[in-house]
Amino acid sequence: MSEKKNVDVIQLWKLPNNFFQLETIEDQFDVIKSITVKAPKTTGVRSRTSISLYDDFLAASFFLITLGLPMLLAFCYTVCIVSYIRGQADYLSYLGYLIAINLVLSLHPKPRDLRHTRLALAIIRYFTYEIVIDRDDPLTKDMGTIDVFNPNTKCQYKHNPIVCLACPHGIFNYGAIIWCCISKWIIGREQYTGAASVVQYVPGLRYMNCLIWAIDVDRRSIKKCLQKPYSSDKSGLKNEKERSKMRGAGMLGMVPDGILGAFRCKVGVDELIIGKRRGLMRICAEEGATVYGAWFFGTTDMLTVVQDPFGIMETISRKLQAGMMFFYGRFFLPIPRRVPVTLVCKPYECEKNAAPTKEQVEDIHQNVYGGLLKVYEDLKIYSGYPDRK
């Protein structure tokens, strides 16, 4: 393993409260520059930063609503159904009320966008979020600088569509969710995120969509997203109408290990479980995408899965294409632990090919995940997890 000499770290947890409200994009990049330093080598897990009670309350409330509310409703449904089966007829009316509440929580209008808000900053600070960048890689050297809006830089080469692979899944990859809030200043684009459509109707959990902008993960939806025209012109980006037009322009985030990765998640263990399907890699080849293999250190330490020894919940989850499991974190509640999260990534440019062969698709797969493994080993010493394997 060769030692990296030109490595920076963007300490996003230092962003000021008014970052998203600054007058110009240039002012915002001046702030990013001020919190970018040469990455120091670490000998152990990074210390988490101290945060205000307000930030802690804001982030914890969001976690309780998005993670805790679905678990509470599931518990209430179970109580009502079991009680009715045992002959307590009154619980049938309670079940009717519960269904009505569920429908209201599933269908009521929700905020369209919470990405560039105080909530996003609170979650960034909650996880002491940092991004480690290898400046010697031509595809990452401009990340976190205003040059990401320059169409002539390597990271925007030919305006290629971008696919970000967020690894590992964990219970919830909050590092990837934070990335959605900050990607505009790191890579010059904002992204959609592939997710099961049912997520948009689960009470509580559906508010995640205000941060990730979920789309279905079928082939048609993915290709439509990647083919959306992208403009590198930074003028007008402060205008909400113009910003909506460039929503997810040519950029999609996916979590490749999916439900299996969630059920196999273990605290203190970094593991990526990829199946034999190569559909996404085929689409990347067809669209000539640049694929960013990304690893979010700390993801598996956030929450602990309550293991089902019979695999029933995993089977149901696979059928519904949505994770159904019990888990806990801080205070034994569905609130993630305050572990430091660090992002490292390795891009790979796919040559556009309208009809790639099976061998060509497999070659892309090996290059993407081989590159991710290498950057994991090379940069973990700068990420606060030097002993992870």
Foldseek 3Di string as FASTA:
>chain_A
DDAADAKKKQQLLPDDQCLLVDDAPVVNLVSSVVRIDHFDFDDFFDDADDDDPVLVVLQQVLLCLQPVVLVVLVVLLVVLVVVVVVPPVVSVVVVVVSVVVLQCLQDPDDDQADLSHSNLSSLCSLQSEMEMFRLVDQLQVCFQHLCLLPCPGPVCDVPFFEEEAEPACALHQVNVLSCQSCVCRGNNAHAAEEADPVQCRGRSNVNSCNRRVYDHPDPVGVLVLQCAAAHSDRPPCSPVVVVVSRHRRNYYYYHQQAQVSHQPQDAQAGDHDHDDDLVVLQSCQQRQYKYKYKYKPPRSNFKAWPHDPVCPQVVVCVVSVHHDTDIADPVRHSGTHSGHIYMYIDIDTHHHDNDDDPVSSVVSVCVRVVRVVVRCQNCVSSGNHNPHD
